[in-house]
């Protein structure tokens, strides 16, 4: 694949001729056309390679009424338009004289217009909004995950895959061999892997890949989750991106590093500033802090997400920013120049990457458009402050539950403005139903504490 440079971000440009050549070279027989639903869950339709022409022309249709949050049954016909840049042979399918490949697709209406219920299209609109201001968006996400053992029937258990700790090598970290195979699969699919290590919690892992333009970064994050789960299964393990699968240990985050570029220049960098941040960077930070409570239901979308966002487990739950302080919601990593970026630490990997990156960028754009002033940086350990000191410094908390987050989302404007009417309405309805199901269910904790006592 050839590379061109837009801003500081390499963008792969794949031609149909290159795809055809690879199909012949790798003996590709099946093509998986992938897309995501509103929650970011990957779906696909499989066709034979003989239908490549129809695939590329966007002629493959599917029933949108069968996808949660998509079309009503009387308007069910939707079409898949593949992004040629996402073509990849699936390394675990390669055998002598046989392999399979995939495309990530955007969803189209029968008249060829973008389908408003497709979250990939939602992110494209945010890209267009940034472009109106002369910006391109660069994102580097960091997704943590846990590995659990499967039982003899291949179903996930609650037994962790290892007992190692932060940065521990083998033999304690038995997950290193799984990460190695994940790395090989991702590399074969075009990823540039930067680091791989055991995380803080037992059974917890992280593999970091290189930043990209925001749409590609969302595509990479979606692909990454699928590949991690697929490879882990081959080792008799279940990989989960559930934010807090085990009580009492750290949960999994998806830190989002974001920067805006103007041409080839990082719009967040100013060497003359004390922190080497531009005024636009400060406005961006202010916009995110101003809007974060009203988009937390998007970046942290599950009932379980709020079991992670509690003090004591390294998860940022206080609304503040700092140049280096990891207890703050927003951190500015030390690397500057083209690498200058704003790191938002609250999102978790269960979130839909397309919606997550869209609301963060949109909130930052709001801050820039309105010239919002960032509050003073907090460089002390917020986790160990008293409630009184946090109140004195004006440090607010993120929502404490999905119900609180949904209330904040509905009272704000950023989500409805960014997601569009269809996705916003369906998303809120879906998440309210999830909360109601949780609220009315009888949980094991209640049985353990009340069943014999009363």
Protein backbone atom coordinates (compact mmCIF):
# COMPACT_ATOMS: atom_id res chain seq x y z
CA UNK A 1 0.00 0.00 0.00
CA UNK A 2 1.26 3.46 -0.89
CA UNK A 3 1.41 6.18 1.73
CA UNK A 4 0.69 9.87 1.49
CA UNK A 5 1.12 12.41 4.27
CA UNK A 6 -1.79 14.53 5.43
CA UNK A 7 -0.81 16.72 8.39
CA UNK A 8 1.50 14.51 10.42
CA UNK A 9 -0.65 11.44 9.91
CA UNK A 10 0.18 8.71 7.39
CA UNK A 11 -2.91 7.70 5.43
CA UNK A 12 -2.95 4.46 3.48
CA UNK A 13 -4.36 4.81 -0.02
CA UNK A 14 -5.36 1.45 -1.41
CA UNK A 15 -6.42 1.11 -5.04
CA UNK A 16 -8.75 -1.49 -6.48
CA UNK A 17 -5.92 -2.83 -8.62
CA UNK A 18 -3.85 -3.45 -5.49
CA UNK A 19 -6.78 -5.24 -3.88
CA UNK A 20 -7.28 -7.46 -6.92
CA UNK A 21 -3.57 -8.27 -6.96
CA UNK A 22 -3.66 -9.23 -3.25
CA UNK A 23 -6.78 -11.33 -3.76
CA UNK A 24 -4.99 -13.32 -6.45
CA UNK A 25 -1.73 -13.58 -4.52
CA UNK A 26 -3.41 -14.74 -1.28
CA UNK A 27 -6.13 -16.85 -2.97
CA UNK A 28 -8.91 -14.93 -1.24
CA UNK A 29 -12.26 -16.65 -1.67
CA UNK A 30 -14.55 -14.88 0.83
CA UNK A 31 -15.04 -11.20 1.60
CA UNK A 32 -16.48 -10.05 4.94
CA UNK A 33 -18.25 -6.69 4.71
CA UNK A 34 -18.11 -5.22 8.22
CA UNK A 35 -19.97 -2.38 9.90
CA UNK A 36 -20.97 -1.49 13.46
CA UNK A 37 -24.31 -0.97 15.16
CA UNK A 38 -25.06 2.00 17.43
CA UNK A 39 -23.27 0.38 20.38
CA UNK A 40 -20.20 -0.23 18.25
CA UNK A 41 -20.71 -4.00 18.02
CA UNK A 42 -19.13 -5.34 14.84
CA UNK A 43 -21.42 -6.99 12.27
CA UNK A 44 -20.63 -8.50 8.90
CA UNK A 45 -22.05 -10.00 5.75
CA UNK A 46 -19.94 -12.55 3.86
CA UNK A 47 -19.92 -12.78 0.06
CA UNK A 48 -17.76 -14.63 -2.44
CA UNK A 49 -14.86 -12.90 -4.14
CA UNK A 50 -16.67 -13.21 -7.48
CA UNK A 51 -18.95 -10.40 -6.22
CA UNK A 52 -16.06 -7.96 -5.77
CA UNK A 53 -17.36 -5.60 -8.45
CA UNK A 54 -20.76 -5.33 -6.76
CA UNK A 55 -19.05 -4.93 -3.39
CA UNK A 56 -16.90 -2.02 -4.54
CA UNK A 57 -19.86 -0.33 -6.22
CA UNK A 58 -21.86 -0.51 -2.97
CA UNK A 59 -24.51 -2.87 -4.33
CA UNK A 60 -24.56 -5.31 -1.40
CA UNK A 61 -27.82 -4.86 0.49
CA UNK A 62 -28.84 -5.95 3.99
CA UNK A 63 -31.89 -5.77 6.24
CA UNK A 64 -31.41 -2.76 8.52
CA UNK A 65 -34.48 -3.61 10.59
CA UNK A 66 -32.61 -6.62 11.99
CA UNK A 67 -29.87 -4.40 13.46
CA UNK A 68 -30.60 -2.92 16.87
CA UNK A 69 -31.19 0.83 16.61
CA UNK A 70 -31.15 0.89 12.81
CA UNK A 71 -34.14 1.01 10.45
CA UNK A 72 -37.85 0.33 10.97
CA UNK A 73 -39.19 -2.69 9.11
CA UNK A 74 -40.93 -0.53 6.49
CA UNK A 75 -37.59 1.13 5.56
CA UNK A 76 -35.28 -1.80 6.01
CA UNK A 77 -33.19 -1.87 2.81
CA UNK A 78 -29.71 -0.48 3.37
CA UNK A 79 -26.45 -0.82 1.43
CA UNK A 80 -22.79 -1.26 2.37
CA UNK A 81 -20.13 0.97 0.84
CA UNK A 82 -16.66 -0.43 1.59
CA UNK A 83 -13.72 1.81 2.42
CA UNK A 84 -10.96 0.41 0.20
CA UNK A 85 -8.34 1.59 2.69
CA UNK A 86 -9.66 -0.95 5.23
CA UNK A 87 -9.15 -4.00 3.01
CA UNK A 88 -7.15 -6.65 4.86
CA UNK A 89 -6.54 -10.37 4.51
CA UNK A 90 -7.40 -12.16 7.76
CA UNK A 91 -4.16 -13.89 8.80
CA UNK A 92 -5.87 -16.63 10.83
CA UNK A 93 -7.73 -17.81 7.70
CA UNK A 94 -4.64 -18.21 5.50
CA UNK A 95 -4.04 -21.82 4.41
CA UNK A 96 -2.52 -23.37 1.31
CA UNK A 97 -4.50 -21.94 -1.58
CA UNK A 98 -7.18 -20.28 0.58
CA UNK A 99 -7.81 -17.14 2.63
CA UNK A 100 -10.51 -14.61 3.56
CA UNK A 101 -10.47 -10.81 3.68
CA UNK A 102 -12.55 -7.97 5.01
CA UNK A 103 -13.62 -4.39 4.33
CA UNK A 104 -15.01 -1.93 6.86
CA UNK A 105 -18.05 -0.24 5.36
CA UNK A 106 -20.18 2.84 5.70
CA UNK A 107 -23.94 2.35 5.47
CA UNK A 108 -25.90 3.99 2.67
CA UNK A 109 -29.56 4.62 1.92
CA UNK A 110 -31.04 3.19 -1.31
CA UNK A 111 -30.61 6.61 -2.96
CA UNK A 112 -26.85 6.57 -2.21
CA UNK A 113 -26.90 9.12 0.60
CA UNK A 114 -25.24 8.43 3.93
CA UNK A 115 -27.48 6.55 6.36
CA UNK A 116 -27.92 8.70 9.46
CA UNK A 117 -28.03 5.69 11.80
CA UNK A 118 -24.49 4.63 10.89
CA UNK A 119 -22.07 5.82 13.57
CA UNK A 120 -19.17 5.83 11.09
CA UNK A 121 -21.14 8.47 9.17
CA UNK A 122 -21.65 10.39 12.44
CA UNK A 123 -17.89 10.66 12.87
CA UNK A 124 -17.49 11.76 9.24
CA UNK A 125 -19.76 14.74 9.99
CA UNK A 126 -17.50 15.77 12.88
CA UNK A 127 -14.49 15.45 10.56
CA UNK A 128 -16.29 17.78 8.13
CA UNK A 129 -17.07 20.25 10.93
CA UNK A 130 -13.39 20.36 11.92
CA UNK A 131 -12.39 20.79 8.28
CA UNK A 132 -14.59 23.90 8.05
CA UNK A 133 -12.24 25.44 10.62
CA UNK A 134 -9.17 24.21 8.75
CA UNK A 135 -8.43 21.32 11.13
CA UNK A 136 -7.72 17.65 10.68
CA UNK A 137 -8.07 15.42 13.75
CA UNK A 138 -5.44 12.95 14.92
CA UNK A 139 -6.24 10.28 17.52
CA UNK A 140 -4.28 7.61 19.36
CA UNK A 141 -6.50 5.38 21.53
CA UNK A 142 -5.18 3.01 24.21
CA UNK A 143 -7.49 0.05 24.86
CA UNK A 144 -6.98 -2.25 27.83
CA UNK A 145 -8.54 -5.71 28.08
CA UNK A 146 -8.74 -8.75 30.37
CA UNK A 147 -8.12 -12.39 29.52
CA UNK A 148 -10.24 -15.04 31.23
CA UNK A 149 -10.08 -18.80 30.87
CA UNK A 150 -12.76 -20.62 28.88
CA UNK A 151 -14.31 -23.86 30.14
CA UNK A 152 -14.25 -27.19 28.30
CA UNK A 153 -17.21 -26.06 26.19
CA UNK A 154 -15.49 -22.85 25.11
CA UNK A 155 -17.57 -20.55 27.32
CA UNK A 156 -16.00 -17.78 29.38
CA UNK A 157 -15.39 -18.37 33.07
CA UNK A 158 -14.55 -15.88 35.83
CA UNK A 159 -11.06 -17.37 36.23
CA UNK A 160 -8.37 -14.92 35.18
CA UNK A 161 -5.86 -16.00 32.56
CA UNK A 162 -2.83 -15.11 34.73
CA UNK A 163 -1.79 -13.67 38.09
CA UNK A 164 0.92 -11.30 36.89
CA UNK A 165 1.22 -7.61 37.67
CA UNK A 166 2.27 -4.43 35.88
CA UNK A 167 4.99 -4.98 33.25
CA UNK A 168 5.77 -8.48 34.56
CA UNK A 169 7.33 -10.86 32.02
CA UNK A 170 6.91 -14.60 31.65
CA UNK A 171 6.66 -17.02 33.39
CA UNK A 172 4.30 -14.94 35.55
CA UNK A 173 2.67 -13.32 32.51
CA UNK A 174 1.34 -16.30 30.57
CA UNK A 175 -0.57 -13.83 28.42
CA UNK A 176 2.62 -12.75 26.65
CA UNK A 177 2.27 -15.54 24.09
CA UNK A 178 -1.31 -14.43 23.38
CA UNK A 179 -0.21 -10.83 22.95
CA UNK A 180 2.52 -11.98 20.58
CA UNK A 181 -0.02 -13.69 18.32
CA UNK A 182 -2.31 -10.66 18.52
CA UNK A 183 0.64 -8.48 17.53
CA UNK A 184 1.43 -10.70 14.54
CA UNK A 185 -2.19 -10.66 13.38
CA UNK A 186 -2.53 -6.89 13.76
CA UNK A 187 0.78 -6.27 11.97
CA UNK A 188 -0.31 -8.51 9.08
CA UNK A 189 -3.49 -6.40 8.82
CA UNK A 190 -1.56 -3.13 8.50
CA UNK A 191 -1.27 -1.94 12.11
CA UNK A 192 1.89 -0.28 13.38
CA UNK A 193 2.34 -1.63 16.91
CA UNK A 194 4.26 0.57 19.34
CA UNK A 195 4.15 -1.35 22.65
CA UNK A 196 2.72 -4.44 24.33
CA UNK A 197 2.68 -5.20 28.05
CA UNK A 198 0.86 -6.66 31.02
CA UNK A 199 -1.26 -4.05 32.77
CA UNK A 200 -1.65 -3.30 36.50
CA UNK A 201 -4.44 -5.76 37.28
CA UNK A 202 -4.13 -9.54 37.20
CA UNK A 203 -5.16 -10.85 33.79
CA UNK A 204 -5.13 -7.34 32.27
CA UNK A 205 -3.25 -6.42 29.09
CA UNK A 206 -2.62 -3.59 26.64
CA UNK A 207 -1.25 -3.39 23.09
CA UNK A 208 -0.67 0.12 21.75
CA UNK A 209 -0.88 0.99 18.06
CA UNK A 210 0.15 4.14 16.25
CA UNK A 211 -2.10 7.19 16.06
CA UNK A 212 -3.98 7.98 12.85
CA UNK A 213 -6.50 10.39 11.43
CA UNK A 214 -9.66 10.15 13.52
CA UNK A 215 -11.75 7.99 11.14
CA UNK A 216 -8.93 5.52 10.62
CA UNK A 217 -8.26 5.48 14.37
CA UNK A 218 -11.88 4.46 15.00
CA UNK A 219 -11.57 1.78 12.31
CA UNK A 220 -8.37 0.53 13.95
CA UNK A 221 -9.93 0.45 17.42
CA UNK A 222 -12.92 -1.51 16.11
CA UNK A 223 -10.64 -3.96 14.28
CA UNK A 224 -8.34 -4.26 17.30
CA UNK A 225 -11.17 -5.40 19.58
CA UNK A 226 -12.27 -8.01 17.05
CA UNK A 227 -8.75 -9.35 16.48
CA UNK A 228 -7.98 -9.52 20.23
CA UNK A 229 -11.11 -11.58 20.87
CA UNK A 230 -10.53 -13.83 17.84
CA UNK A 231 -6.91 -14.64 18.69
CA UNK A 232 -7.60 -15.13 22.42
CA UNK A 233 -10.27 -17.71 21.57
CA UNK A 234 -7.63 -19.80 19.81
CA UNK A 235 -5.72 -20.02 23.11
CA UNK A 236 -8.78 -21.14 25.06
CA UNK A 237 -9.21 -17.66 26.52
CA UNK A 238 -11.94 -15.06 26.49
CA UNK A 239 -10.88 -11.44 25.94
CA UNK A 240 -13.25 -8.86 27.36
CA UNK A 241 -13.36 -5.09 26.99
CA UNK A 242 -15.88 -4.88 29.83
CA UNK A 243 -14.76 -1.88 31.91
CA UNK A 244 -14.83 -3.53 35.36
CA UNK A 245 -15.04 -7.33 35.12
CA UNK A 246 -13.52 -8.01 38.58
CA UNK A 247 -14.32 -6.27 41.87
CA UNK A 248 -11.38 -4.93 43.86
CA UNK A 249 -8.83 -4.49 41.06
CA UNK A 250 -8.31 -1.89 38.33
CA UNK A 251 -10.77 -1.71 35.47
CA UNK A 252 -10.00 -1.22 31.77
CA UNK A 253 -9.83 2.18 30.12
CA UNK A 254 -9.59 3.56 26.62
CA UNK A 255 -7.47 6.67 26.99
CA UNK A 256 -8.01 8.94 23.99
CA UNK A 257 -5.08 11.09 22.81
CA UNK A 258 -6.32 13.79 20.44
CA UNK A 259 -4.72 16.67 18.57
CA UNK A 260 -5.83 19.07 15.84
CA UNK A 261 -3.64 19.91 12.87
CA UNK A 262 -3.64 22.89 10.53
CA UNK A 263 -1.91 21.61 7.44
CA UNK A 264 1.34 20.07 8.64
CA UNK A 265 1.40 22.08 11.90
CA UNK A 266 0.09 20.85 15.25
CA UNK A 267 -2.51 23.46 16.26
CA UNK A 268 -2.05 22.56 19.94
CA UNK A 269 1.69 23.40 20.05
CA UNK A 270 3.17 26.76 20.99
CA UNK A 271 6.86 26.68 21.99
CA UNK A 272 6.60 30.12 23.63
CA UNK A 273 4.01 28.99 26.20
CA UNK A 274 5.12 27.74 29.62
CA UNK A 275 3.53 24.33 28.93
CA UNK A 276 4.16 24.64 25.17
CA UNK A 277 0.41 24.68 24.56
CA UNK A 278 -1.35 27.02 22.15
CA UNK A 279 -4.42 29.08 22.99
CA UNK A 280 -6.40 26.70 20.80
CA UNK A 281 -5.22 23.80 23.00
CA UNK A 282 -6.41 25.64 26.12
CA UNK A 283 -9.76 26.38 24.47
CA UNK A 284 -10.02 22.71 23.46
CA UNK A 285 -9.33 21.59 27.04
CA UNK A 286 -11.95 24.04 28.32
CA UNK A 287 -14.51 22.74 25.82
CA UNK A 288 -13.96 19.14 26.87
CA UNK A 289 -14.17 19.98 30.58
CA UNK A 290 -17.27 22.09 30.00
CA UNK A 291 -19.07 19.28 28.16
CA UNK A 292 -17.66 16.10 29.64
CA UNK A 293 -20.56 15.36 32.01
CA UNK A 294 -22.99 15.64 29.11
CA UNK A 295 -21.09 13.16 26.92
CA UNK A 296 -19.99 10.64 29.58
CA UNK A 297 -22.94 8.40 28.68
CA UNK A 298 -21.29 8.00 25.26
CA UNK A 299 -17.67 7.52 26.37
CA UNK A 300 -18.72 5.31 29.30
CA UNK A 301 -21.86 3.63 28.00
CA UNK A 302 -22.56 0.70 30.33
CA UNK A 303 -24.00 0.25 33.80
CA UNK A 304 -20.67 -1.44 34.51
CA UNK A 305 -18.69 1.61 33.31
CA UNK A 306 -19.48 3.42 36.56
CA UNK A 307 -18.05 0.58 38.67
CA UNK A 308 -14.69 1.61 37.15
CA UNK A 309 -15.11 5.38 37.62
CA UNK A 310 -14.60 5.32 41.39
CA UNK A 311 -11.67 6.55 43.51
CA UNK A 312 -8.88 4.14 44.41
CA UNK A 313 -8.32 2.24 41.17
CA UNK A 314 -6.44 4.80 39.02
CA UNK A 315 -9.58 5.67 37.04
CA UNK A 316 -10.09 9.44 36.66
CA UNK A 317 -13.44 10.48 38.10
CA UNK A 318 -12.65 14.12 38.92
CA UNK A 319 -13.11 16.89 36.36
CA UNK A 320 -9.75 18.63 36.19
CA UNK A 321 -6.70 18.83 33.94
CA UNK A 322 -2.95 18.75 34.44
CA UNK A 323 0.28 18.80 32.47
CA UNK A 324 1.35 15.47 33.97
CA UNK A 325 -0.92 14.42 36.84
CA UNK A 326 -2.48 11.02 36.10
CA UNK A 327 -5.19 11.54 38.71
CA UNK A 328 -6.69 14.29 36.54
CA UNK A 329 -9.34 13.64 33.91
CA UNK A 330 -7.24 15.34 31.22
CA UNK A 331 -3.48 14.94 31.04
CA UNK A 332 -0.98 16.58 28.68
CA UNK A 333 1.73 14.01 27.85
CA UNK A 334 5.34 15.18 28.01
CA UNK A 335 6.15 14.89 24.30
CA UNK A 336 5.62 18.17 22.48
CA UNK A 337 6.00 19.58 18.98
CA UNK A 338 4.14 17.43 16.46
CA UNK A 339 3.37 15.02 19.33
CA UNK A 340 1.50 17.62 21.42
CA UNK A 341 -1.86 16.16 22.37
CA UNK A 342 -4.64 16.17 24.92
CA UNK A 343 -5.28 12.85 26.67
CA UNK A 344 -8.80 12.23 27.98
CA UNK A 345 -8.60 9.38 30.48
CA UNK A 346 -12.23 8.57 31.35
CA UNK A 347 -13.47 6.67 28.24
CA UNK A 348 -13.57 2.90 28.47
CA UNK A 349 -13.15 0.28 25.73
CA UNK A 350 -16.81 -0.79 25.71
CA UNK A 351 -17.60 2.54 24.04
CA UNK A 352 -18.32 2.89 20.33
CA UNK A 353 -15.06 4.48 19.05
CA UNK A 354 -16.82 6.40 16.27
CA UNK A 355 -19.21 8.11 18.69
CA UNK A 356 -16.56 8.55 21.38
CA UNK A 357 -14.09 10.34 19.12
CA UNK A 358 -16.91 12.40 17.62
CA UNK A 359 -18.20 13.80 20.94
CA UNK A 360 -14.70 14.54 22.28
CA UNK A 361 -13.68 16.38 19.10
CA UNK A 362 -17.02 18.19 18.99
CA UNK A 363 -16.67 19.34 22.61
CA UNK A 364 -13.15 20.60 21.89
CA UNK A 365 -14.36 22.43 18.81
CA UNK A 366 -17.03 24.10 20.94
CA UNK A 367 -14.32 25.35 23.26
CA UNK A 368 -12.33 26.76 20.33
CA UNK A 369 -15.37 28.34 18.67
CA UNK A 370 -16.49 30.01 21.91
CA UNK A 371 -13.01 30.91 23.12
CA UNK A 372 -13.61 29.15 26.44
CA UNK A 373 -10.94 29.67 29.09
CA UNK A 374 -9.44 26.60 30.71
CA UNK A 375 -9.44 26.53 34.52
CA UNK A 376 -6.16 26.40 36.41
CA UNK A 377 -4.28 23.10 36.10
CA UNK A 378 -4.36 20.81 39.13
CA UNK A 379 -0.96 19.28 39.74
CA UNK A 380 -1.65 17.69 43.14
CA UNK A 381 -2.85 14.12 43.67
CA UNK A 382 -6.62 14.58 43.43
CA UNK A 383 -7.30 11.01 44.57
CA UNK A 384 -5.93 11.78 48.04
CA UNK A 385 -7.48 15.22 48.49
CA UNK A 386 -10.23 15.71 51.03
CA UNK A 387 -13.74 16.42 49.77
CA UNK A 388 -13.42 19.90 51.26
CA UNK A 389 -10.26 20.68 49.32
CA UNK A 390 -11.73 19.42 46.05
CA UNK A 391 -14.78 21.61 46.68
CA UNK A 392 -12.52 24.60 47.46
CA UNK A 393 -10.66 24.07 44.18
CA UNK A 394 -13.93 23.68 42.26
CA UNK A 395 -13.22 20.10 41.19
CA UNK A 396 -16.47 18.42 40.19
CA UNK A 397 -17.15 14.69 39.75
CA UNK A 398 -18.15 12.71 36.68
CA UNK A 399 -21.62 11.15 36.83
CA UNK A 400 -21.75 8.29 39.31
CA UNK A 401 -24.09 6.01 37.38
CA UNK A 402 -25.48 5.47 33.91
CA UNK A 403 -28.74 7.06 35.08
CA UNK A 404 -26.90 10.23 36.14
CA UNK A 405 -24.93 10.25 32.90
CA UNK A 406 -28.08 9.96 30.79
CA UNK A 407 -29.69 12.82 32.71
CA UNK A 408 -26.63 14.98 32.05
CA UNK A 409 -26.59 13.94 28.39
CA UNK A 410 -30.22 15.00 27.92
CA UNK A 411 -29.70 18.30 29.73
CA UNK A 412 -26.71 19.19 27.55
CA UNK A 413 -26.45 19.91 23.85
CA UNK A 414 -23.21 18.28 22.72
CA UNK A 415 -24.58 14.76 22.23
CA UNK A 416 -27.72 15.69 20.29
CA UNK A 417 -25.74 18.14 18.14
CA UNK A 418 -23.00 15.63 17.38
CA UNK A 419 -24.89 12.35 17.05
CA UNK A 420 -27.81 13.58 14.96
CA UNK A 421 -31.48 12.96 15.69
CA UNK A 422 -31.62 9.27 14.74
CA UNK A 423 -28.56 8.04 16.65
CA UNK A 424 -29.25 10.33 19.61
CA UNK A 425 -32.86 9.17 19.98
CA UNK A 426 -32.08 5.48 19.54
CA UNK A 427 -29.04 5.65 21.81
CA UNK A 428 -30.87 7.34 24.67
CA UNK A 429 -33.79 4.90 24.37
CA UNK A 430 -31.43 1.91 24.35
CA UNK A 431 -29.47 3.10 27.37
CA UNK A 432 -32.55 3.99 29.39
CA UNK A 433 -33.83 0.47 28.79
CA UNK A 434 -30.45 -0.91 29.92
CA UNK A 435 -30.56 1.11 33.13
CA UNK A 436 -34.16 0.11 33.83
CA UNK A 437 -33.31 -3.56 33.35
CA UNK A 438 -30.41 -3.21 35.80
CA UNK A 439 -32.47 -1.17 38.28
CA UNK A 440 -35.27 -3.73 38.48
CA UNK A 441 -33.13 -6.89 38.47
CA UNK A 442 -32.32 -8.75 41.70
CA UNK A 443 -28.55 -9.11 41.94
CA UNK A 444 -26.32 -11.65 43.67
CA UNK A 445 -25.14 -8.99 46.15
CA UNK A 446 -28.72 -8.53 47.36
CA UNK A 447 -29.23 -12.26 47.78
CA UNK A 448 -25.94 -12.59 49.67
CA UNK A 449 -26.75 -9.72 52.02
CA UNK A 450 -30.51 -9.96 52.51
CA UNK A 451 -31.82 -13.42 51.69
CA UNK A 452 -31.13 -15.05 55.06
CA UNK A 453 -30.94 -11.87 57.17
CA UNK A 454 -34.53 -10.80 56.75
